[in-house]
Amino acid sequence: MARYEELAKDIRTQIANNTWRSGEKIPSVRMSCRNYKVSNSTVLQAYQLLESEGWIIAKPQSGYFVAPKIESLVTLPEVSEPKRAINDRLFDFLTSSSAEGVVPFGSAFPDPDLFPLPVLTRNLASAGRKMTGASVINNLPPGSESLRRQIAQRYLQQGIVVSHQDIVITSGAMEALNLSLQTVTKPGDTVVIEAPAFYGALQAVERLGLNAVEVEVCPKDGLNITAFKQALIDHDVKACWLMTTFQNPTGTCLSDKSKTELVAIAREHQALIIEDDVYADLYYEGEKPKPLKAYDTNDSVLLCGSYSKSLCPGYRVGWVVNARYHNQIQKQQLLSTLSSSAPVQLGVAHFLTHESYDNHLRKLRKHLQSRKQEFIEAVTEYFPISIELEEPQGGYFIWIRFPESFDSHKLYKQAMEKGISIASGDLFSESDMVSHAIRLNFSHELTQERRSALKTVGQLAHQLLRQS
């Protein structure tokens, strides 16, 4: 291959990867000569080749620009690919789904417009003005005492006896969960995870070199307790990563009776529980569901929570509640991220002290419940009648199941081509048991644009069903 052809190939790849987007100016001939250490004629030949192929256009006195509607050139034919590691699949999903302009039905995050961000900013500023030089050191693990007291008090109001001295503040729930799992396991250990599971659990298992045993989550009733017990009988399980309240992705909530039984089974088999409880404040009716920690009599549950879903997405404030492993978790944190941001910890603590978190939660739950109802009605109208779904009683996800022959990953790819993000089932299990399902986020207002996008997803699903 001639040098100018190699240069043209490099630029094609850059355009295909969106380094240069439609309408953007690419480097001048002189700059490319310098960057690639080639002659003026080599760059000109490469640019002329790209121009002839329709990749770029020349504008007199201005230079070379990526051609309009270049997407038609970079659309690749569908090919059957082997299943990749979860971290690779998830990276592709998160980067494509978070791109500007994409309709966020696949997003894991709630609509930011639902949160009191201006009020939070004011509290962050107020706390910052009161910070001293010693504040940074004082808020190293286990974290801000004021914030830990606020968290403990909310658990006490629910009848769950927790001391602020049992709490470690983390950089979001993901760090809380990962630190907990890393603290109580070593590579090669066996852990129980849900199926489908929050993909963070799959990531952690892969990264830490653990062996996972999947236990089915019933879309209506939650974790299969009988199967959970059998898994602990059949395997030497060190820990269980579970989300029993408004589970992600299914939205199910385990009954109090089942939670009591689950904790007792784990205790009998000396298996620790890492509890992901980040959606508990997002219940629609009745009382806040109790976590597994409420039924824990021997400190075998490491309870992980966060304000990311209920108050301040992006602030990355989470925590772990456990006395037995309190020091080990702090050690793990000091050796990895050092600590959660001191100013953010103090700002959130200031908000919880001086503002009404409960008033905010009431408004938030009301909005989510209203949007859920509207979203489900639209799904029922636009999607095939063969779908199955259970109406969640909390959180902001809806789990839609198509007939088992349906390929949800193909639906995801077709939707992304139209600028619409959905979360396909292959993100939530290493097996193929939920490859026919999708998770949709209904927290965003269903504007005309988003309603049209949801209708498009339904039309694509109709087409795929006819082909399957």
Protein backbone atom coordinates (compact mmCIF):
# COMPACT_ATOMS: atom_id res chain seq x y z
CA MET A 1 0.00 0.00 0.00
CA ALA A 2 1.38 3.39 -0.99
CA ARG A 3 2.04 5.93 1.78
CA TYR A 4 -0.78 8.24 0.63
CA GLU A 5 -3.18 5.28 0.74
CA GLU A 6 -2.10 4.51 4.32
CA LEU A 7 -2.72 8.13 5.26
CA ALA A 8 -6.16 8.07 3.62
CA LYS A 9 -6.99 4.86 5.53
CA ASP A 10 -6.00 6.51 8.83
CA ILE A 11 -8.27 9.48 8.17
CA ARG A 12 -11.17 7.23 7.14
CA THR A 13 -10.83 5.42 10.49
CA GLN A 14 -10.79 8.73 12.35
CA ILE A 15 -13.97 9.83 10.61
CA ALA A 16 -15.64 6.46 11.22
CA ASN A 17 -14.78 6.76 14.92
CA ASN A 18 -16.25 10.28 15.06
CA THR A 19 -12.88 11.92 15.76
CA TRP A 20 -13.88 14.20 12.88
CA ARG A 21 -17.63 14.65 12.50
CA SER A 22 -19.77 15.63 9.55
CA GLY A 23 -19.05 19.25 8.60
CA GLU A 24 -15.89 19.59 10.72
CA LYS A 25 -12.63 20.82 9.25
CA ILE A 26 -9.81 18.28 9.15
CA PRO A 27 -6.12 19.28 9.57
CA SER A 28 -4.65 21.40 6.79
CA VAL A 29 -2.20 19.96 4.27
CA ARG A 30 0.67 21.71 6.02
CA MET A 31 -0.35 20.41 9.45
CA SER A 32 -0.75 16.83 8.16
CA CYS A 33 2.70 17.03 6.56
CA ARG A 34 4.13 17.90 9.96
CA ASN A 35 2.02 15.41 11.96
CA TYR A 36 2.60 12.41 9.70
CA LYS A 37 6.10 13.42 8.56
CA VAL A 38 5.25 13.05 4.88
CA SER A 39 5.59 15.28 1.84
CA ASN A 40 3.10 17.87 0.64
CA SER A 41 2.29 15.75 -2.43
CA THR A 42 1.56 12.66 -0.30
CA VAL A 43 -1.03 14.54 1.76
CA LEU A 44 -2.59 16.05 -1.35
CA GLN A 45 -2.88 12.60 -2.96
CA ALA A 46 -4.51 11.22 0.20
CA TYR A 47 -6.98 14.10 0.39
CA GLN A 48 -7.82 13.81 -3.31
CA LEU A 49 -8.49 10.09 -2.85
CA LEU A 50 -10.78 10.75 0.13
CA GLU A 51 -12.55 13.48 -1.83
CA SER A 52 -13.14 11.16 -4.77
CA GLU A 53 -14.62 8.56 -2.42
CA GLY A 54 -16.96 11.12 -0.87
CA TRP A 55 -15.39 11.23 2.60
CA ILE A 56 -14.28 14.86 2.49
CA ILE A 57 -14.95 17.98 0.44
CA ALA A 58 -12.66 20.88 -0.45
CA LYS A 59 -13.73 24.48 0.13
CA PRO A 60 -11.70 27.16 -1.71
CA GLN A 61 -9.65 29.35 0.62
CA SER A 62 -10.92 27.34 3.63
CA GLY A 63 -9.46 23.82 3.47
CA TYR A 64 -10.91 20.32 3.66
CA PHE A 65 -14.05 19.32 5.59
CA VAL A 66 -15.78 16.04 6.45
CA ALA A 67 -18.58 15.54 3.95
CA PRO A 68 -22.18 16.10 5.06
CA LYS A 69 -24.21 12.95 5.83
CA ILE A 70 -21.01 10.94 6.12
CA GLU A 71 -22.88 8.38 8.28
CA SER A 72 -23.99 6.53 5.15
CA LEU A 73 -20.36 5.73 4.37
CA VAL A 74 -19.45 4.45 7.80
CA THR A 75 -22.45 2.15 8.36
CA LEU A 76 -20.97 -1.32 8.45
CA PRO A 77 -22.82 -4.51 7.50
CA GLU A 78 -24.08 -6.63 10.37
CA VAL A 79 -21.87 -9.60 11.15
CA SER A 80 -22.18 -12.33 13.73
CA GLU A 81 -19.64 -11.73 16.48
CA PRO A 82 -18.58 -13.89 19.42
CA LYS A 83 -19.84 -12.64 22.77
CA ARG A 84 -17.28 -10.32 24.32
CA ALA A 85 -16.39 -9.75 27.97
CA ILE A 86 -18.96 -7.76 29.92
CA ASN A 87 -16.59 -4.83 30.44
CA ASP A 88 -16.08 -4.50 26.67
CA ARG A 89 -19.81 -4.78 25.94
CA LEU A 90 -20.68 -2.32 28.67
CA PHE A 91 -18.06 0.21 27.57
CA ASP A 92 -19.54 0.25 24.06
CA PHE A 93 -23.06 0.58 25.45
CA LEU A 94 -22.25 3.41 27.87
CA THR A 95 -20.22 5.47 25.39
CA SER A 96 -22.77 5.20 22.58
CA SER A 97 -25.81 5.68 24.83
CA SER A 98 -24.44 8.79 26.52
CA ALA A 99 -23.61 10.60 23.26
CA GLU A 100 -25.13 14.03 22.82
CA GLY A 101 -28.58 14.00 21.23
CA VAL A 102 -29.32 10.33 21.93
CA VAL A 103 -32.78 9.63 23.40
CA PRO A 104 -31.88 8.16 26.85
CA PHE A 105 -34.27 5.22 27.27
CA GLY A 106 -31.22 3.04 27.98
CA SER A 107 -29.72 5.36 30.58
CA ALA A 108 -29.08 4.10 34.10
CA PHE A 109 -29.46 7.62 35.48
CA PRO A 110 -32.67 9.46 36.39
CA ASP A 111 -33.73 12.68 34.69
CA PRO A 112 -31.47 15.39 36.25
CA ASP A 113 -34.30 17.93 35.98
CA LEU A 114 -36.05 16.07 38.82
CA PHE A 115 -33.43 17.12 41.36
CA PRO A 116 -32.90 20.38 43.31
CA LEU A 117 -29.53 21.11 41.73
CA PRO A 118 -29.59 24.92 42.34
CA VAL A 119 -30.38 24.35 46.04
CA LEU A 120 -27.65 21.73 46.26
CA THR A 121 -25.19 24.15 44.67
CA ARG A 122 -26.03 26.81 47.25
CA ASN A 123 -25.51 24.31 50.08
CA LEU A 124 -22.24 23.18 48.54
CA ALA A 125 -21.08 26.81 48.43
CA SER A 126 -22.19 27.44 52.02
CA ALA A 127 -20.36 24.37 53.26
CA GLY A 128 -17.30 25.33 51.25
CA ARG A 129 -17.10 28.73 52.88
CA LYS A 130 -16.99 27.07 56.29
CA MET A 131 -14.28 24.58 55.33
CA THR A 132 -10.95 24.79 57.11
CA GLY A 133 -7.60 23.45 56.03
CA ALA A 134 -8.12 20.50 58.33
CA SER A 135 -11.45 19.57 56.70
CA VAL A 136 -9.78 17.56 53.96
CA ILE A 137 -7.96 15.38 56.49
CA ASN A 138 -10.97 15.13 58.80
CA ASN A 139 -13.12 13.78 55.96
CA LEU A 140 -10.82 10.95 54.92
CA PRO A 141 -12.27 7.47 55.56
CA PRO A 142 -14.64 6.79 57.15
CA GLY A 143 -15.83 10.22 55.94
CA SER A 144 -17.69 13.28 57.23
CA GLU A 145 -19.05 12.63 60.70
CA SER A 146 -21.96 14.99 60.05
CA LEU A 147 -22.95 13.12 56.89
CA ARG A 148 -22.59 9.72 58.56
CA ARG A 149 -24.83 10.87 61.40
CA GLN A 150 -27.48 12.05 58.93
CA ILE A 151 -27.44 8.67 57.18
CA ALA A 152 -27.60 6.75 60.46
CA GLN A 153 -30.52 8.87 61.70
CA ARG A 154 -32.58 8.04 58.61
CA TYR A 155 -32.04 4.31 59.18
CA LEU A 156 -33.00 4.73 62.86
CA GLN A 157 -36.23 6.44 61.80
CA GLN A 158 -37.03 3.28 59.85
CA GLY A 159 -36.42 1.11 62.92
CA ILE A 160 -33.00 -0.13 61.77
CA VAL A 161 -30.39 0.20 64.50
CA VAL A 162 -27.29 1.67 62.85
CA SER A 163 -24.45 3.69 64.36
CA HIS A 164 -22.70 6.38 62.36
CA GLN A 165 -19.50 4.62 63.45
CA ASP A 166 -20.52 1.63 61.28
CA ILE A 167 -20.68 3.76 58.11
CA VAL A 168 -17.96 4.45 55.53
CA ILE A 169 -18.62 7.21 52.97
CA THR A 170 -17.65 6.26 49.40
CA SER A 171 -17.53 7.79 45.94
CA GLY A 172 -20.99 6.57 44.98
CA ALA A 173 -22.68 3.21 45.41
CA MET A 174 -20.47 1.50 42.83
CA GLU A 175 -17.40 2.10 44.97
CA ALA A 176 -19.31 0.96 48.06
CA LEU A 177 -20.31 -2.28 46.36
CA ASN A 178 -16.90 -2.94 44.82
CA LEU A 179 -15.03 -2.22 48.06
CA SER A 180 -17.38 -4.55 49.93
CA LEU A 181 -16.94 -7.40 47.45
CA GLN A 182 -13.17 -6.93 47.32
CA THR A 183 -13.00 -6.93 51.13
CA VAL A 184 -14.80 -10.24 51.67
CA THR A 185 -13.55 -12.28 48.69
CA LYS A 186 -10.34 -13.29 46.93
CA PRO A 187 -9.78 -14.38 43.30
CA GLY A 188 -11.27 -17.80 42.63
CA ASP A 189 -14.01 -17.51 45.27
CA THR A 190 -17.62 -18.27 44.35
CA VAL A 191 -20.31 -15.60 44.65
CA VAL A 192 -24.05 -15.59 44.01
CA ILE A 193 -25.45 -12.91 41.73
CA GLU A 194 -28.92 -12.33 40.36
CA ALA A 195 -30.06 -13.21 36.85
CA PRO A 196 -30.76 -10.76 35.39
CA ALA A 197 -28.33 -8.70 37.47
CA PHE A 198 -27.25 -5.09 37.63
CA TYR A 199 -24.34 -5.07 35.20
CA GLY A 200 -22.06 -3.56 37.85
CA ALA A 201 -22.12 -6.94 39.58
CA LEU A 202 -21.04 -8.69 36.38
CA GLN A 203 -18.23 -6.17 35.96
CA ALA A 204 -16.98 -6.65 39.50
CA VAL A 205 -17.03 -10.45 39.24
CA GLU A 206 -15.05 -10.32 36.00
CA ARG A 207 -12.53 -7.77 37.30
CA LEU A 208 -11.88 -9.58 40.61
CA GLY A 209 -11.55 -13.04 39.05
CA LEU A 210 -14.52 -14.54 40.91
CA ASN A 211 -16.79 -17.43 39.92
CA ALA A 212 -20.45 -16.42 39.64
CA VAL A 213 -23.49 -18.59 40.28
CA GLU A 214 -26.62 -16.99 38.82
CA VAL A 215 -29.94 -17.22 40.66
CA GLU A 216 -33.06 -16.29 38.74
CA VAL A 217 -35.06 -13.17 39.55
CA CYS A 218 -38.76 -13.63 38.81
CA PRO A 219 -40.08 -10.47 37.09
CA LYS A 220 -43.10 -10.55 39.40
CA ASP A 221 -41.91 -11.85 42.78
CA GLY A 222 -38.18 -11.14 42.85
CA LEU A 223 -35.30 -13.49 43.71
CA ASN A 224 -36.18 -17.20 43.62
CA ILE A 225 -35.61 -18.14 47.28
CA THR A 226 -35.70 -21.89 46.60
CA ALA A 227 -33.05 -21.58 43.90
CA PHE A 228 -31.00 -19.30 46.17
CA LYS A 229 -30.99 -21.91 48.93
CA GLN A 230 -30.01 -24.65 46.48
CA ALA A 231 -27.12 -22.55 45.15
CA LEU A 232 -25.73 -22.21 48.66
CA ILE A 233 -26.12 -25.95 49.23
CA ASP A 234 -24.37 -26.86 45.96
CA HIS A 235 -21.52 -24.35 46.13
CA ASP A 236 -19.07 -22.96 48.66
CA VAL A 237 -20.40 -19.40 48.38
CA LYS A 238 -18.43 -16.63 50.05
CA ALA A 239 -20.71 -13.71 49.23
CA CYS A 240 -23.98 -12.78 47.53
CA TRP A 241 -24.48 -9.50 45.62
CA LEU A 242 -28.22 -8.81 45.82
CA MET A 243 -30.67 -6.00 45.11
CA THR A 244 -33.99 -6.97 46.65
CA THR A 245 -35.75 -3.57 46.56
CA PHE A 246 -36.78 -2.30 43.10
CA GLN A 247 -34.17 -4.49 41.48
CA ASN A 248 -32.27 -3.25 38.45
CA PRO A 249 -33.24 -4.18 35.75
CA THR A 250 -36.57 -5.88 36.59
CA GLY A 251 -37.95 -3.37 39.12
CA THR A 252 -39.17 -6.15 41.43
CA CYS A 253 -39.30 -5.90 45.21
CA LEU A 254 -38.94 -8.92 47.48
CA SER A 255 -41.53 -9.28 50.27
CA ASP A 256 -40.53 -8.80 53.91
CA LYS A 257 -41.16 -12.50 54.53
CA SER A 258 -38.83 -13.49 51.69
CA LYS A 259 -36.18 -11.02 52.86
CA THR A 260 -36.27 -12.56 56.34
CA GLU A 261 -35.96 -16.06 54.87
CA LEU A 262 -33.15 -15.03 52.51
CA VAL A 263 -31.02 -13.57 55.34
CA ALA A 264 -31.59 -16.68 57.47
CA ILE A 265 -30.49 -18.99 54.61
CA ALA A 266 -27.32 -16.96 54.03
CA ARG A 267 -26.54 -17.00 57.76
CA GLU A 268 -27.03 -20.79 57.90
CA HIS A 269 -24.49 -21.26 55.11
CA GLN A 270 -22.11 -18.57 56.42
CA ALA A 271 -22.40 -16.55 53.23
CA LEU A 272 -22.07 -12.77 53.43
CA ILE A 273 -24.56 -10.49 51.65
CA ILE A 274 -23.57 -7.34 49.79
CA GLU A 275 -26.81 -5.41 49.51
CA ASP A 276 -27.37 -2.83 46.78
CA ASP A 277 -30.15 -0.61 48.16
CA VAL A 278 -29.86 2.52 46.01
CA TYR A 279 -33.53 2.69 44.90
CA ALA A 280 -35.21 2.25 48.30
CA ASP A 281 -36.28 5.91 48.62
CA LEU A 282 -38.10 5.75 45.25
CA TYR A 283 -41.18 3.81 46.41
CA TYR A 284 -44.54 5.10 45.18
CA GLU A 285 -47.00 4.11 47.91
CA GLY A 286 -47.06 2.92 51.50
CA GLU A 287 -43.88 2.80 53.58
CA LYS A 288 -40.26 2.66 52.53
CA PRO A 289 -39.27 -1.01 52.01
CA LYS A 290 -36.82 -2.32 54.58
CA PRO A 291 -33.39 -3.52 53.45
CA LEU A 292 -32.02 -6.98 54.19
CA LYS A 293 -29.92 -5.32 56.88
CA ALA A 294 -33.10 -4.90 58.95
CA TYR A 295 -33.23 -8.71 59.37
CA ASP A 296 -29.49 -9.16 59.96
CA THR A 297 -28.66 -10.37 63.48
CA ASN A 298 -24.96 -11.21 63.08
CA ASP A 299 -23.64 -8.32 60.95
CA SER A 300 -23.36 -10.50 57.82
CA VAL A 301 -24.99 -7.90 55.52
CA LEU A 302 -22.90 -5.11 54.04
CA LEU A 303 -25.53 -2.51 53.20
CA CYS A 304 -24.62 -0.15 50.34
CA GLY A 305 -26.57 3.01 49.59
CA SER A 306 -26.26 6.25 47.65
CA TYR A 307 -27.81 9.66 47.04
CA SER A 308 -27.16 9.41 43.30
CA LYS A 309 -30.64 8.10 42.45
CA SER A 310 -32.64 10.13 44.96
CA LEU A 311 -30.95 13.50 45.48
CA CYS A 312 -27.76 14.41 43.64
CA PRO A 313 -26.76 12.40 40.56
CA GLY A 314 -23.18 13.19 39.66
CA TYR A 315 -22.13 14.10 43.21
CA ARG A 316 -20.96 10.52 43.77
CA VAL A 317 -21.89 10.14 47.45
CA GLY A 318 -22.45 6.59 48.64
CA TRP A 319 -21.82 4.52 51.76
CA VAL A 320 -21.37 1.07 53.30
CA VAL A 321 -23.03 0.09 56.59
CA ASN A 322 -21.26 -2.72 58.44
CA ALA A 323 -19.42 -2.86 61.78
CA ARG A 324 -17.56 -6.15 61.29
CA TYR A 325 -15.72 -5.09 58.10
CA HIS A 326 -15.60 -1.37 58.85
CA ASN A 327 -11.82 -1.11 59.14
CA GLN A 328 -11.06 -3.39 56.18
CA ILE A 329 -13.31 -1.34 53.89
CA GLN A 330 -11.56 1.86 54.96
CA LYS A 331 -8.21 0.24 54.23
CA GLN A 332 -9.32 -0.83 50.77
CA GLN A 333 -10.57 2.69 50.06
CA LEU A 334 -7.36 4.35 51.25
CA LEU A 335 -5.36 2.06 48.96
CA SER A 336 -7.53 2.82 45.91
CA THR A 337 -9.41 6.14 45.67
CA LEU A 338 -8.23 7.53 49.05
CA SER A 339 -11.61 9.08 49.88
CA SER A 340 -14.81 10.63 48.62
CA SER A 341 -14.61 14.37 47.85
CA ALA A 342 -14.52 16.33 51.13
CA PRO A 343 -16.37 19.43 49.81
CA VAL A 344 -19.13 17.28 48.31
CA GLN A 345 -19.55 15.31 51.55
CA LEU A 346 -19.89 18.55 53.51
CA GLY A 347 -22.23 20.08 50.92
CA VAL A 348 -24.63 17.11 51.01
CA ALA A 349 -24.51 17.05 54.81
CA HIS A 350 -25.33 20.78 54.82
CA PHE A 351 -28.34 20.17 52.54
CA LEU A 352 -29.64 17.32 54.73
CA THR A 353 -29.30 19.51 57.81
CA HIS A 354 -30.87 22.72 56.49
CA GLU A 355 -33.28 21.59 53.73
CA SER A 356 -36.19 19.15 53.65
CA TYR A 357 -35.00 15.98 51.96
CA ASP A 358 -38.38 14.35 52.63
CA ASN A 359 -40.27 17.12 50.80
CA HIS A 360 -37.98 16.63 47.82
CA LEU A 361 -38.56 12.87 47.92
CA ARG A 362 -42.34 13.27 47.96
CA LYS A 363 -42.20 15.44 44.84
CA LEU A 364 -39.74 13.10 43.15
CA ARG A 365 -41.85 10.00 43.79
CA LYS A 366 -44.97 11.78 42.53
CA HIS A 367 -43.23 12.72 39.27
CA LEU A 368 -41.84 9.22 38.77
CA GLN A 369 -45.17 7.54 39.38
CA SER A 370 -46.91 9.86 36.91
CA ARG A 371 -44.24 9.34 34.27
CA LYS A 372 -44.31 5.58 34.77
CA GLN A 373 -48.03 5.45 34.09
CA GLU A 374 -47.76 7.56 30.93
CA PHE A 375 -44.78 5.55 29.69
CA ILE A 376 -46.44 2.18 30.19
CA GLU A 377 -49.56 3.37 28.36
CA ALA A 378 -47.37 4.43 25.42
CA VAL A 379 -45.48 1.11 25.43
CA THR A 380 -48.78 -0.78 25.43
CA GLU A 381 -49.92 1.27 22.43
CA TYR A 382 -46.73 1.07 20.34
CA PHE A 383 -45.16 -2.30 21.17
CA PRO A 384 -46.22 -5.79 20.03
CA ILE A 385 -49.07 -7.33 22.02
CA SER A 386 -46.86 -10.36 22.75
CA ILE A 387 -44.65 -8.45 25.21
CA GLU A 388 -44.76 -9.13 28.96
CA LEU A 389 -44.08 -6.57 31.67
CA GLU A 390 -44.77 -6.06 35.35
CA GLU A 391 -45.63 -2.57 36.56
CA PRO A 392 -42.91 -1.57 39.08
CA GLN A 393 -43.87 -0.09 42.43
CA GLY A 394 -40.71 1.96 42.70
CA GLY A 395 -37.57 3.04 40.87
CA TYR A 396 -37.63 4.23 37.26
CA PHE A 397 -37.06 1.16 35.09
CA ILE A 398 -39.46 -1.02 33.16
CA TRP A 399 -38.38 -4.53 32.10
CA ILE A 400 -40.00 -5.68 28.84
CA ARG A 401 -39.85 -9.32 27.77
CA PHE A 402 -40.41 -10.39 24.17
CA PRO A 403 -40.87 -13.99 22.96
CA GLU A 404 -37.72 -16.05 23.63
CA SER A 405 -36.67 -16.10 19.97
CA PHE A 406 -36.34 -12.30 20.00
CA ASP A 407 -32.85 -10.75 19.71
CA SER A 408 -32.80 -7.67 21.96
CA HIS A 409 -29.20 -6.80 21.04
CA LYS A 410 -30.23 -6.46 17.41
CA LEU A 411 -33.04 -4.14 18.52
CA TYR A 412 -30.50 -2.10 20.50
CA LYS A 413 -28.24 -1.70 17.46
CA GLN A 414 -31.10 -0.72 15.16
CA ALA A 415 -32.41 1.79 17.69
CA MET A 416 -28.94 3.32 18.15
CA GLU A 417 -28.71 3.86 14.38
CA LYS A 418 -31.75 6.13 14.83
CA GLY A 419 -30.28 7.92 17.85
CA ILE A 420 -32.30 6.04 20.47
CA SER A 421 -30.71 4.26 23.40
CA ILE A 422 -32.18 1.14 25.01
CA ALA A 423 -30.53 -1.42 27.31
CA SER A 424 -30.58 -4.92 25.83
CA GLY A 425 -30.79 -8.08 27.92
CA ASP A 426 -27.26 -9.29 27.15
CA LEU A 427 -25.92 -6.54 29.46
CA PHE A 428 -27.57 -8.16 32.49
CA SER A 429 -26.48 -11.80 32.28
CA GLU A 430 -23.56 -13.84 31.00
CA SER A 431 -26.03 -16.52 29.89
CA ASP A 432 -28.64 -16.07 27.16
CA MET A 433 -31.58 -16.35 29.55
CA VAL A 434 -32.65 -12.69 29.14
CA SER A 435 -31.39 -11.94 25.63
CA HIS A 436 -35.05 -11.45 24.62
CA ALA A 437 -35.65 -8.59 27.11
CA ILE A 438 -34.90 -4.88 27.30
CA ARG A 439 -34.73 -2.32 30.09
CA LEU A 440 -36.19 1.15 29.53
CA ASN A 441 -35.79 4.27 31.69
CA PHE A 442 -39.09 6.14 32.12
CA SER A 443 -37.86 8.97 34.39
CA HIS A 444 -37.59 11.56 31.60
CA GLU A 445 -40.64 13.57 30.59
CA LEU A 446 -42.34 11.94 27.62
CA THR A 447 -42.09 14.88 25.24
CA GLN A 448 -43.35 14.61 21.67
CA GLU A 449 -39.80 13.82 20.53
CA ARG A 450 -39.38 11.03 23.08
CA ARG A 451 -42.86 9.66 22.38
CA SER A 452 -41.95 9.51 18.69
CA ALA A 453 -38.70 7.73 19.59
CA LEU A 454 -40.58 5.19 21.72
CA LYS A 455 -42.96 4.57 18.81
CA THR A 456 -39.93 3.99 16.56
CA VAL A 457 -38.55 1.37 18.98
CA GLY A 458 -41.95 -0.32 18.94
CA GLN A 459 -41.98 -0.36 15.12
CA LEU A 460 -38.47 -1.86 15.04
CA ALA A 461 -39.59 -4.52 17.52
CA HIS A 462 -42.58 -5.38 15.31
CA GLN A 463 -40.23 -5.83 12.33
CA LEU A 464 -37.76 -8.02 14.25
CA LEU A 465 -40.56 -10.20 15.58
CA ARG A 466 -41.79 -10.85 12.05
CA GLN A 467 -38.26 -11.87 11.06
CA SER A 468 -37.63 -14.15 14.07
